[in-house]
C-alpha cells in the first residue's frame, strides 16, 4: 500500500475511537467538576460523541468555538492513543444541531442574494465539517456549492444549477 492510499476505518475501529474519546472527555469533565452523560455512535464513517447534562451544567463548554477546540483536543488524544488520524465529531449539549440551524439561516441569506440577482454567494470561512453541512443544506435546496481557498480561509460558494 502506498502513502497515498487511504484506509477507511471499520465500524470496530470507530467504536474504539469513540471509547477512547469518551474516556478523554470524561477526564476533562471530572477535572472541571461537570456532570455529563456521554453517548457514543458511529455515523457516516465517523465516531460521534455526545455530551448531555441536566440544566445548564454544560453551558460554559457548549459555545461553538469551545466545542471546536474540545473536539480538536479530543481528536489529538484519540490519535495519540490509537496511532490513527481521527475525524471524530463532538457534540456538547446539542451544539451541533444549533450550529446546523445557524448554517441553514446563513444558506438562506445566501439564497436570498441569488434570488435578488447575484450569480453566486460566498459564505465565510469555516471548518471542513461545517462546509460539509453547508454542502448538504445547499443540495437539499436544489442548488450547488463548491469550496475554495486553503486552510483557514477555505470557504463555500453557492450558485444555482
N, C-alpha and C. Protein backbone atom coordinates (compact mmCIF):
# COMPACT_ATOMS: atom_id res chain seq x y z
N UNK A 1 0.85 -1.17 0.00
CA UNK A 1 0.00 0.00 0.00
C UNK A 1 0.89 1.24 0.00
N UNK A 2 0.55 2.22 -0.81
CA UNK A 2 1.32 3.45 -0.89
C UNK A 2 0.81 4.45 0.14
N UNK A 3 1.58 5.50 0.38
CA UNK A 3 1.19 6.55 1.31
C UNK A 3 -0.09 7.26 0.87
N UNK A 4 -0.35 7.28 -0.42
CA UNK A 4 -1.50 8.00 -0.94
C UNK A 4 -2.80 7.24 -0.77
N UNK A 5 -2.73 5.93 -0.52
CA UNK A 5 -3.94 5.15 -0.33
C UNK A 5 -4.50 5.42 1.07
N UNK A 6 -5.80 5.61 1.12
CA UNK A 6 -6.46 5.88 2.38
C UNK A 6 -7.24 4.64 2.79
N UNK A 7 -7.02 4.19 4.01
CA UNK A 7 -7.73 3.04 4.51
C UNK A 7 -8.88 3.55 5.38
N UNK A 8 -10.11 3.23 4.96
CA UNK A 8 -11.28 3.65 5.73
C UNK A 8 -11.36 2.81 7.00
N UNK A 9 -11.62 3.47 8.14
CA UNK A 9 -11.72 2.71 9.39
C UNK A 9 -12.97 1.83 9.40
N UNK A 10 -12.88 0.69 10.07
CA UNK A 10 -14.02 -0.20 10.22
C UNK A 10 -14.93 0.34 11.33
N UNK A 11 -16.12 -0.21 11.42
CA UNK A 11 -17.04 0.18 12.50
C UNK A 11 -16.39 -0.11 13.84
N UNK A 12 -15.69 -1.25 13.93
CA UNK A 12 -14.99 -1.60 15.17
C UNK A 12 -13.92 -0.56 15.51
N UNK A 13 -13.17 -0.10 14.50
CA UNK A 13 -12.16 0.95 14.71
C UNK A 13 -12.82 2.22 15.23
N UNK A 14 -13.96 2.59 14.63
CA UNK A 14 -14.65 3.81 15.02
C UNK A 14 -15.25 3.69 16.42
N UNK A 15 -15.74 2.51 16.76
CA UNK A 15 -16.25 2.29 18.11
C UNK A 15 -15.13 2.42 19.14
N UNK A 16 -13.95 1.88 18.80
CA UNK A 16 -12.79 2.02 19.69
C UNK A 16 -12.40 3.50 19.82
N UNK A 17 -12.40 4.20 18.70
CA UNK A 17 -12.11 5.64 18.70
C UNK A 17 -13.08 6.38 19.63
N UNK A 18 -14.37 6.02 19.55
CA UNK A 18 -15.37 6.64 20.41
C UNK A 18 -15.12 6.34 21.88
N UNK A 19 -14.71 5.11 22.18
CA UNK A 19 -14.41 4.74 23.57
C UNK A 19 -13.23 5.54 24.11
N UNK A 20 -12.18 5.66 23.30
CA UNK A 20 -11.00 6.44 23.71
C UNK A 20 -11.39 7.90 23.93
N UNK A 21 -12.18 8.43 23.01
CA UNK A 21 -12.64 9.82 23.11
C UNK A 21 -13.48 10.02 24.37
N UNK A 22 -14.38 9.07 24.64
CA UNK A 22 -15.24 9.17 25.81
C UNK A 22 -14.41 9.18 27.09
N UNK A 23 -13.40 8.34 27.16
CA UNK A 23 -12.52 8.34 28.34
C UNK A 23 -11.84 9.69 28.51
N UNK A 24 -11.37 10.26 27.41
CA UNK A 24 -10.70 11.56 27.46
C UNK A 24 -11.67 12.65 27.92
N UNK A 25 -12.87 12.67 27.34
CA UNK A 25 -13.87 13.69 27.69
C UNK A 25 -14.29 13.54 29.16
N UNK A 26 -14.49 12.30 29.59
CA UNK A 26 -14.86 12.07 31.00
C UNK A 26 -13.79 12.63 31.93
N UNK A 27 -12.53 12.45 31.55
CA UNK A 27 -11.44 13.00 32.36
C UNK A 27 -11.50 14.52 32.42
N UNK A 28 -11.76 15.16 31.27
CA UNK A 28 -11.89 16.62 31.25
C UNK A 28 -13.07 17.09 32.09
N UNK A 29 -14.21 16.40 31.97
CA UNK A 29 -15.38 16.76 32.76
C UNK A 29 -15.11 16.61 34.26
N UNK A 30 -14.39 15.55 34.63
CA UNK A 30 -14.04 15.35 36.04
C UNK A 30 -13.16 16.49 36.55
N UNK A 31 -12.18 16.88 35.76
CA UNK A 31 -11.28 17.98 36.15
C UNK A 31 -12.07 19.27 36.34
N UNK A 32 -13.05 19.51 35.45
CA UNK A 32 -13.85 20.73 35.53
C UNK A 32 -15.02 20.59 36.51
N UNK A 33 -15.16 19.42 37.13
CA UNK A 33 -16.24 19.14 38.08
C UNK A 33 -17.61 19.38 37.43
N UNK A 34 -17.76 18.83 36.21
CA UNK A 34 -19.01 18.95 35.46
C UNK A 34 -19.58 17.54 35.29
N UNK A 35 -20.85 17.38 35.65
CA UNK A 35 -21.53 16.11 35.43
C UNK A 35 -22.10 16.09 34.03
N UNK A 36 -21.88 15.00 33.33
CA UNK A 36 -22.42 14.87 31.99
C UNK A 36 -22.56 13.41 31.61
N UNK A 37 -23.54 13.13 30.76
CA UNK A 37 -23.75 11.79 30.25
C UNK A 37 -23.24 11.73 28.82
N UNK A 38 -22.48 10.69 28.52
CA UNK A 38 -21.91 10.55 27.18
C UNK A 38 -22.64 9.48 26.40
N UNK A 39 -22.84 9.75 25.12
CA UNK A 39 -23.43 8.80 24.19
C UNK A 39 -22.48 8.65 23.02
N UNK A 40 -22.23 7.40 22.62
CA UNK A 40 -21.33 7.12 21.50
C UNK A 40 -22.14 6.56 20.34
N UNK A 41 -21.75 6.93 19.13
CA UNK A 41 -22.42 6.45 17.93
C UNK A 41 -21.41 6.44 16.78
N UNK A 42 -21.72 5.69 15.75
CA UNK A 42 -20.93 5.68 14.52
C UNK A 42 -21.89 6.00 13.39
N UNK A 43 -21.61 7.10 12.68
CA UNK A 43 -22.45 7.53 11.56
C UNK A 43 -21.57 8.07 10.45
N UNK A 44 -21.91 7.75 9.23
CA UNK A 44 -21.25 8.29 8.05
C UNK A 44 -19.72 8.19 8.13
N UNK A 45 -19.23 7.07 8.61
CA UNK A 45 -17.79 6.83 8.66
C UNK A 45 -17.05 7.64 9.71
N UNK A 46 -17.78 8.11 10.74
CA UNK A 46 -17.15 8.87 11.82
C UNK A 46 -17.69 8.42 13.16
N UNK A 47 -16.85 8.55 14.17
CA UNK A 47 -17.29 8.33 15.54
C UNK A 47 -17.91 9.64 16.04
N UNK A 48 -19.06 9.53 16.69
CA UNK A 48 -19.74 10.69 17.27
C UNK A 48 -19.80 10.51 18.77
N UNK A 49 -19.42 11.53 19.51
CA UNK A 49 -19.53 11.53 20.96
C UNK A 49 -20.38 12.72 21.35
N UNK A 50 -21.48 12.44 22.07
CA UNK A 50 -22.38 13.49 22.52
C UNK A 50 -22.32 13.57 24.03
N UNK A 51 -22.30 14.80 24.54
CA UNK A 51 -22.31 15.04 25.98
C UNK A 51 -23.58 15.80 26.31
N UNK A 52 -24.36 15.26 27.22
CA UNK A 52 -25.60 15.90 27.67
C UNK A 52 -25.57 16.00 29.18
N UNK A 53 -26.33 16.95 29.70
CA UNK A 53 -26.46 17.12 31.15
C UNK A 53 -27.76 17.83 31.44
N UNK A 54 -28.23 17.69 32.66
CA UNK A 54 -29.45 18.39 33.05
C UNK A 54 -29.12 19.83 33.39
N UNK A 55 -30.10 20.69 33.18
CA UNK A 55 -29.90 22.11 33.50
C UNK A 55 -28.88 22.73 32.57
N UNK A 56 -28.14 23.68 33.11
CA UNK A 56 -27.15 24.39 32.29
C UNK A 56 -25.72 24.03 32.68
N UNK A 57 -25.51 22.79 33.14
CA UNK A 57 -24.18 22.35 33.58
C UNK A 57 -23.14 22.46 32.47
N UNK A 58 -23.55 22.32 31.23
CA UNK A 58 -22.61 22.34 30.10
C UNK A 58 -22.55 23.70 29.40
N UNK A 59 -23.27 24.67 29.93
CA UNK A 59 -23.37 25.98 29.27
C UNK A 59 -22.00 26.57 28.94
N UNK A 60 -21.05 26.47 29.85
CA UNK A 60 -19.74 27.08 29.65
C UNK A 60 -18.91 26.40 28.56
N UNK A 61 -19.20 25.14 28.28
CA UNK A 61 -18.38 24.44 27.28
C UNK A 61 -19.17 24.10 26.01
N UNK A 62 -20.37 24.65 25.85
CA UNK A 62 -21.17 24.32 24.67
C UNK A 62 -21.15 25.40 23.59
N UNK A 63 -20.40 26.48 23.79
CA UNK A 63 -20.27 27.51 22.75
C UNK A 63 -19.54 26.89 21.55
N UNK A 64 -19.93 27.25 20.33
CA UNK A 64 -19.34 26.62 19.14
C UNK A 64 -17.81 26.62 19.10
N UNK A 65 -17.17 27.72 19.44
CA UNK A 65 -15.71 27.77 19.41
C UNK A 65 -15.10 26.84 20.46
N UNK A 66 -15.75 26.75 21.61
CA UNK A 66 -15.27 25.88 22.68
C UNK A 66 -15.43 24.42 22.27
N UNK A 67 -16.58 24.08 21.69
CA UNK A 67 -16.80 22.70 21.24
C UNK A 67 -15.77 22.34 20.17
N UNK A 68 -15.49 23.26 19.26
CA UNK A 68 -14.50 23.01 18.21
C UNK A 68 -13.12 22.75 18.83
N UNK A 69 -12.75 23.56 19.81
CA UNK A 69 -11.45 23.37 20.47
C UNK A 69 -11.41 22.04 21.23
N UNK A 70 -12.49 21.70 21.94
CA UNK A 70 -12.54 20.42 22.65
C UNK A 70 -12.49 19.25 21.67
N UNK A 71 -13.15 19.41 20.54
CA UNK A 71 -13.12 18.36 19.52
C UNK A 71 -11.69 18.14 19.02
N UNK A 72 -10.98 19.23 18.76
CA UNK A 72 -9.59 19.09 18.27
C UNK A 72 -8.70 18.44 19.33
N UNK A 73 -8.86 18.83 20.59
CA UNK A 73 -8.09 18.20 21.67
C UNK A 73 -8.41 16.71 21.77
N UNK A 74 -9.70 16.40 21.65
CA UNK A 74 -10.13 15.00 21.73
C UNK A 74 -9.58 14.20 20.56
N UNK A 75 -9.60 14.78 19.36
CA UNK A 75 -9.04 14.10 18.19
C UNK A 75 -7.55 13.81 18.41
N UNK A 76 -6.83 14.79 18.97
CA UNK A 76 -5.40 14.58 19.24
C UNK A 76 -5.18 13.48 20.27
N UNK A 77 -6.02 13.45 21.30
CA UNK A 77 -5.91 12.40 22.33
C UNK A 77 -6.19 11.03 21.71
N UNK A 78 -7.18 10.94 20.85
CA UNK A 78 -7.50 9.68 20.17
C UNK A 78 -6.34 9.26 19.27
N UNK A 79 -5.82 10.21 18.51
CA UNK A 79 -4.70 9.91 17.62
C UNK A 79 -3.49 9.44 18.42
N UNK A 80 -3.23 10.07 19.54
CA UNK A 80 -2.10 9.69 20.39
C UNK A 80 -2.28 8.26 20.91
N UNK A 81 -3.51 7.90 21.25
CA UNK A 81 -3.80 6.58 21.81
C UNK A 81 -3.84 5.50 20.74
N UNK A 82 -4.43 5.80 19.57
CA UNK A 82 -4.64 4.78 18.55
C UNK A 82 -3.58 4.76 17.46
N UNK A 83 -2.88 5.89 17.29
CA UNK A 83 -1.89 5.99 16.23
C UNK A 83 -2.50 6.29 14.87
N UNK A 84 -3.82 6.55 14.85
CA UNK A 84 -4.51 6.84 13.59
C UNK A 84 -5.18 8.20 13.65
N UNK A 85 -5.24 8.87 12.49
CA UNK A 85 -5.92 10.15 12.36
C UNK A 85 -7.39 9.97 12.72
N UNK A 86 -7.95 10.92 13.43
CA UNK A 86 -9.35 10.84 13.85
C UNK A 86 -10.18 11.95 13.20
N UNK A 87 -11.37 11.59 12.74
CA UNK A 87 -12.34 12.56 12.21
C UNK A 87 -13.56 12.62 13.13
N UNK A 88 -13.35 12.28 14.37
CA UNK A 88 -14.39 12.24 15.38
C UNK A 88 -15.18 13.55 15.45
N UNK A 89 -16.48 13.44 15.73
CA UNK A 89 -17.33 14.60 15.89
C UNK A 89 -17.79 14.65 17.35
N UNK A 90 -17.63 15.80 17.98
CA UNK A 90 -18.05 16.00 19.35
C UNK A 90 -19.23 16.96 19.37
N UNK A 91 -20.26 16.57 20.13
CA UNK A 91 -21.43 17.42 20.32
C UNK A 91 -21.59 17.64 21.82
N UNK A 92 -21.74 18.89 22.22
CA UNK A 92 -21.94 19.21 23.63
C UNK A 92 -23.28 19.95 23.76
N UNK A 93 -24.19 19.33 24.48
CA UNK A 93 -25.49 19.94 24.78
C UNK A 93 -26.23 20.40 23.53
N UNK A 94 -26.17 19.57 22.47
CA UNK A 94 -26.89 19.90 21.25
C UNK A 94 -26.25 21.00 20.43
N UNK A 95 -24.98 21.29 20.67
CA UNK A 95 -24.30 22.38 19.95
C UNK A 95 -24.26 22.13 18.45
N UNK A 96 -24.15 20.89 18.02
CA UNK A 96 -24.09 20.59 16.58
C UNK A 96 -25.42 20.91 15.90
N UNK A 97 -26.53 20.55 16.55
CA UNK A 97 -27.84 20.89 15.98
C UNK A 97 -28.02 22.40 15.92
N UNK A 98 -27.60 23.08 16.98
CA UNK A 98 -27.72 24.54 17.00
C UNK A 98 -26.88 25.15 15.88
N UNK A 99 -25.68 24.63 15.67
CA UNK A 99 -24.82 25.15 14.60
C UNK A 99 -25.42 24.85 13.23
N UNK A 100 -26.03 23.67 13.06
CA UNK A 100 -26.67 23.36 11.77
C UNK A 100 -27.77 24.37 11.49
N UNK A 101 -28.55 24.73 12.50
CA UNK A 101 -29.62 25.72 12.30
C UNK A 101 -29.03 27.08 11.92
N UNK A 102 -27.91 27.46 12.53
CA UNK A 102 -27.24 28.71 12.16
C UNK A 102 -26.78 28.66 10.70
N UNK A 103 -26.22 27.53 10.31
CA UNK A 103 -25.76 27.38 8.93
C UNK A 103 -26.93 27.39 7.95
N UNK A 104 -28.06 26.81 8.34
CA UNK A 104 -29.25 26.86 7.47
C UNK A 104 -29.68 28.31 7.26
N UNK A 105 -29.65 29.12 8.32
CA UNK A 105 -30.01 30.53 8.17
C UNK A 105 -28.99 31.26 7.29
N UNK A 106 -27.72 30.92 7.42
CA UNK A 106 -26.69 31.53 6.59
C UNK A 106 -26.91 31.17 5.12
N UNK A 107 -27.23 29.91 4.85
CA UNK A 107 -27.50 29.49 3.47
C UNK A 107 -28.75 30.20 2.95
N UNK A 108 -29.77 30.33 3.79
CA UNK A 108 -30.99 31.02 3.37
C UNK A 108 -30.70 32.47 3.00
N UNK A 109 -29.81 33.13 3.74
CA UNK A 109 -29.41 34.51 3.39
C UNK A 109 -28.69 34.56 2.05
N UNK A 110 -27.84 33.55 1.81
CA UNK A 110 -27.13 33.49 0.54
C UNK A 110 -28.11 33.24 -0.60
N UNK A 111 -29.09 32.38 -0.38
CA UNK A 111 -30.10 32.09 -1.41
C UNK A 111 -30.89 33.36 -1.72
N UNK A 112 -31.17 34.18 -0.70
CA UNK A 112 -31.89 35.45 -0.93
C UNK A 112 -31.07 36.35 -1.85
N UNK A 113 -29.75 36.34 -1.72
CA UNK A 113 -28.89 37.14 -2.62
C UNK A 113 -29.00 36.62 -4.05
N UNK A 114 -29.06 35.29 -4.19
CA UNK A 114 -29.22 34.71 -5.53
C UNK A 114 -30.59 35.08 -6.09
N UNK A 115 -31.61 35.07 -5.23
CA UNK A 115 -32.95 35.46 -5.67
C UNK A 115 -33.00 36.92 -6.11
N UNK A 116 -32.12 37.74 -5.51
CA UNK A 116 -32.06 39.16 -5.86
C UNK A 116 -31.20 39.42 -7.09
N UNK A 117 -30.69 38.35 -7.73
CA UNK A 117 -29.96 38.51 -8.98
C UNK A 117 -28.48 38.24 -8.94
N UNK A 118 -27.91 37.97 -7.76
CA UNK A 118 -26.47 37.66 -7.70
C UNK A 118 -26.21 36.34 -8.42
N UNK A 119 -25.07 36.23 -9.08
CA UNK A 119 -24.73 34.99 -9.79
C UNK A 119 -24.18 33.93 -8.84
N UNK A 120 -23.65 34.37 -7.71
CA UNK A 120 -23.14 33.46 -6.69
C UNK A 120 -23.10 34.18 -5.36
N UNK A 121 -23.01 33.41 -4.28
CA UNK A 121 -22.92 33.98 -2.94
C UNK A 121 -21.86 33.22 -2.16
N UNK A 122 -20.91 33.96 -1.58
CA UNK A 122 -19.84 33.35 -0.79
C UNK A 122 -20.19 33.38 0.69
N UNK A 123 -19.85 32.29 1.36
CA UNK A 123 -20.04 32.20 2.80
C UNK A 123 -18.70 32.41 3.48
N UNK A 124 -18.70 32.73 4.77
CA UNK A 124 -17.43 32.91 5.48
C UNK A 124 -16.65 31.59 5.59
N UNK A 125 -15.41 31.70 5.93
CA UNK A 125 -14.56 30.52 6.16
C UNK A 125 -15.14 29.71 7.32
N UNK A 126 -14.98 28.39 7.21
CA UNK A 126 -15.45 27.52 8.29
C UNK A 126 -14.72 26.19 8.22
N UNK A 127 -14.94 25.38 9.24
CA UNK A 127 -14.26 24.08 9.32
C UNK A 127 -14.77 23.14 8.23
N UNK A 128 -14.03 22.07 7.99
CA UNK A 128 -14.43 21.11 6.95
C UNK A 128 -15.77 20.47 7.30
N UNK A 129 -16.01 20.20 8.56
CA UNK A 129 -17.28 19.61 8.97
C UNK A 129 -18.43 20.58 8.68
N UNK A 130 -18.23 21.84 9.00
CA UNK A 130 -19.28 22.84 8.74
C UNK A 130 -19.50 23.02 7.24
N UNK A 131 -18.42 23.01 6.46
CA UNK A 131 -18.58 23.10 5.00
C UNK A 131 -19.36 21.91 4.46
N UNK A 132 -19.11 20.72 5.01
CA UNK A 132 -19.86 19.54 4.59
C UNK A 132 -21.34 19.73 4.91
N UNK A 133 -21.65 20.25 6.08
CA UNK A 133 -23.05 20.52 6.42
C UNK A 133 -23.66 21.51 5.43
N UNK A 134 -22.90 22.56 5.11
CA UNK A 134 -23.39 23.57 4.16
C UNK A 134 -23.66 22.92 2.80
N UNK A 135 -22.74 22.09 2.32
CA UNK A 135 -22.94 21.41 1.03
C UNK A 135 -24.23 20.58 1.07
N UNK A 136 -24.47 19.89 2.18
CA UNK A 136 -25.68 19.09 2.32
C UNK A 136 -26.93 19.97 2.30
N UNK A 137 -26.90 21.09 3.03
CA UNK A 137 -28.04 22.01 3.10
C UNK A 137 -28.31 22.61 1.72
N UNK A 138 -27.25 23.01 1.05
CA UNK A 138 -27.38 23.61 -0.28
C UNK A 138 -28.00 22.60 -1.26
N UNK A 139 -27.54 21.35 -1.21
CA UNK A 139 -28.08 20.32 -2.09
C UNK A 139 -29.57 20.08 -1.80
N UNK A 140 -29.94 20.11 -0.52
CA UNK A 140 -31.35 19.95 -0.14
C UNK A 140 -32.21 21.05 -0.74
N UNK A 141 -31.63 22.22 -0.96
CA UNK A 141 -32.37 23.35 -1.51
C UNK A 141 -32.28 23.41 -3.05
N UNK A 142 -31.65 22.38 -3.65
CA UNK A 142 -31.61 22.29 -5.10
C UNK A 142 -30.58 23.19 -5.75
N UNK A 143 -29.58 23.62 -4.98
CA UNK A 143 -28.52 24.48 -5.51
C UNK A 143 -27.20 23.71 -5.51
N UNK A 144 -26.14 24.35 -5.99
CA UNK A 144 -24.82 23.72 -5.98
C UNK A 144 -23.85 24.58 -5.18
N UNK A 145 -22.84 23.93 -4.64
CA UNK A 145 -21.84 24.65 -3.86
C UNK A 145 -20.48 24.02 -4.08
N UNK A 146 -19.46 24.84 -3.93
CA UNK A 146 -18.07 24.39 -4.03
C UNK A 146 -17.26 25.11 -2.97
N UNK A 147 -16.21 24.45 -2.50
CA UNK A 147 -15.31 25.08 -1.54
C UNK A 147 -14.09 25.62 -2.26
N UNK A 148 -13.63 26.77 -1.83
CA UNK A 148 -12.45 27.42 -2.41
C UNK A 148 -11.54 27.90 -1.29
N UNK A 149 -10.25 28.04 -1.63
CA UNK A 149 -9.28 28.53 -0.68
C UNK A 149 -8.54 27.40 0.01
N UNK A 150 -7.60 27.78 0.84
CA UNK A 150 -6.78 26.82 1.55
C UNK A 150 -6.79 27.11 3.04
N UNK A 151 -6.66 26.08 3.85
CA UNK A 151 -6.51 26.23 5.29
C UNK A 151 -7.62 27.06 5.92
N UNK A 152 -7.25 28.01 6.75
CA UNK A 152 -8.26 28.77 7.50
C UNK A 152 -9.10 29.70 6.63
N UNK A 153 -8.72 29.91 5.38
CA UNK A 153 -9.51 30.79 4.51
C UNK A 153 -10.45 30.00 3.60
N UNK A 154 -10.50 28.67 3.76
CA UNK A 154 -11.36 27.85 2.90
C UNK A 154 -12.82 28.19 3.19
N UNK A 155 -13.57 28.45 2.12
CA UNK A 155 -14.96 28.88 2.26
C UNK A 155 -15.81 28.25 1.15
N UNK A 156 -17.11 28.43 1.26
CA UNK A 156 -18.05 27.83 0.32
C UNK A 156 -18.71 28.91 -0.53
N UNK A 157 -18.88 28.61 -1.81
CA UNK A 157 -19.59 29.49 -2.74
C UNK A 157 -20.81 28.73 -3.25
N UNK A 158 -21.96 29.43 -3.24
CA UNK A 158 -23.22 28.82 -3.64
C UNK A 158 -23.69 29.45 -4.96
N UNK A 159 -24.20 28.57 -5.86
CA UNK A 159 -24.74 29.02 -7.16
C UNK A 159 -25.99 28.21 -7.48
N UNK A 160 -26.73 28.74 -8.42
CA UNK A 160 -27.86 27.97 -8.98
C UNK A 160 -27.30 26.95 -9.95
N UNK A 161 -28.05 25.94 -10.22
CA UNK A 161 -27.63 24.86 -11.17
C UNK A 161 -27.56 25.41 -12.57
